[in-house]
Amino acid sequence: MPITPQELVTFCKKKSFIYSSSDIYGGIAGLYDYGHLGTLLKHNFEHLWRKYFLSLNDNFFEIQGSNIMHENVFKASGHLENFIDPIIRCSKCDFGDRADHFITTQIKQRTEGFSPEQLTALVQKHNLKCPQCTSEFQPVTILNMMFPLNMGTSSTNRAYLRPETAQTPYVNFKLQYESQRKKLPLGLAVIGNAYRNEISPRNFTLRQREFTQAELQIFFNPEKIAQHSDFDLIKNYSLRTLLVEDRKQNQVIERTAQELVKAGLPKFYVYHLVKIQQFYLEHLKIHPEKFRLYQLNDQEKAFYNKYHFDLEIELSEHGFTEMGGLHYRTDHDLVGHQKISKQSMEILDEETNSKFIPHVLELSFGVDRNIYALLDLNHHDDKERGNIVLKLPSKLTPIYCAVFPLVKNKPELVVVAKKIYSELKPLYSCLYDETASVGRRYARADEIGVKYCITIDFESLDDHAITIRDRDTTQQQRIKIADLKDKLYQLYIQE
């Protein structure tokens, strides 16, 4: 049976993955802390993301920016005017919710991108009532989701917590372009926190007020969007797509990269769609049937996005859920910053001797949402073993290996076990456990995702070998202690 959302919340708190922030005071809606295992899992995801996407081009780099940014950044980006969500409120009680999400749940129809007037009309058409007191709703209104800050002692020094990490690369573009010897495409990646005053944060870490994003902004010459030097290497790769035209049958269609290009998408865009899907299927080990690339229509996507696909994973009880997106943002952001800052964002292409403002392809991922998906899809209640098994991939699991002496009251076994542990700890995330029966220790390790358990028994004292147990198969293999490091490395890289 798949885990329910509430069971996942309980599991994450009990095993020190994720739990409410300020928990001893009852917590705060939309804010969460990561425990020691959750932090390790999150860092592993970020490291894997960083290593994979920054390797796509030698001119892709990671930068880090302040979480607090100048007010004019968000005038230029349009956030102060347009970063709004529709809100629905009861006319009698204190019930309030994000209008499009509430209405979608009630009428089973996507309403993303609808205006307040359209949403109000749907409320009236379907005679929707307050779920708390059955009263009428007020007309749908809007709420700006920015968090303002007053800096220092002056109330006029206005700044904001950034609502997305993307603006950091945009305001840094010109300086980074100059320092990287004026080469395009230039990729600037940020892994960091963003802040949104969500109307109704819900579903654990799927919708929060403070969250982590991993984003890669690729600046390129718009005249070259129809080409990519490595496109021929992936042109026959099949992508799991649900285009706007597929919505009536709600069926994922396998289309090759070349077929998508023939359908009107540029090669530069499709190449990165392929790389995103490969990241999910080959590195995060998401089952293909659980993954799709969902194309947004003109009403749903942001006005500045010429092309927009959401990256969706099917969760146990939430269905297909957005984990990120691939957005062709054109020159919207740099033009806005040029206008407000009065600093030119134009560059000179020395090959063509032409000036232009670069366009941007954005690869955007919600880190916390992806962590939720990994925990949800890899949580298994193994009836044969009688315990939970968290089958996270080796490169993601918080603890890669564990070292156990068969019993703790035999000092000679403990000495060997602790020596092995001390040698492995600098190389891998590793734990040492000598408490309870070895079977119980296996069960504890399974529950937190330990991939390999290494047991030192009485025979180890004579044959200088240990038993290594695979979490997923429970199969055990006897190998020499001298070969253990190499064996673990081979297992790690071959997955």
Foldseek 3Di string as FASTA:
>chain_A
DFDDLVNLQVLCVVLQAKHAPVVVVPHDFQHMDGGLQNVLLLVLVVVLVCVQPQVVDVQADEDEDDQKDAPLLCVLLVLVPPQKFKKKAFPPDGDIAGQQVVLCVVPVDRDALPDLVVSQVSCVVVVDADPPPRGRIDRIDMDRFWAWDQPDPDNPRIITRAQDPVSVCLVCVVVSCVVVVNDPFHKYWYWAKHATNHPHRDSRNQGHRIFIKIKIKTWHDPVCQQDDPCLVVQQQPWAFECEPVNVVVPHTDTDGLVRVVVVPGHSNQSVVSVSVVCCCCVPQVAPPVQWYWYWDDCSNDDVQFPTKTFIWGQFDPPGTGGFWMKTFRFLSNNVSCCVSVVDDQWDADPVVRDIDRTTIIMTMGGSSVVSVRLQSVQWDCDPVLRAIARAGAQSSQSAAEEFEEQADVPVVSVVVRVVLVVVCVVPTRYYYDHDDGVSVVLRVCRSRHHAKYWYRYPCCVPPQWIWIAGSPPRDIDIDHSVCVVVVSVVVNVVD
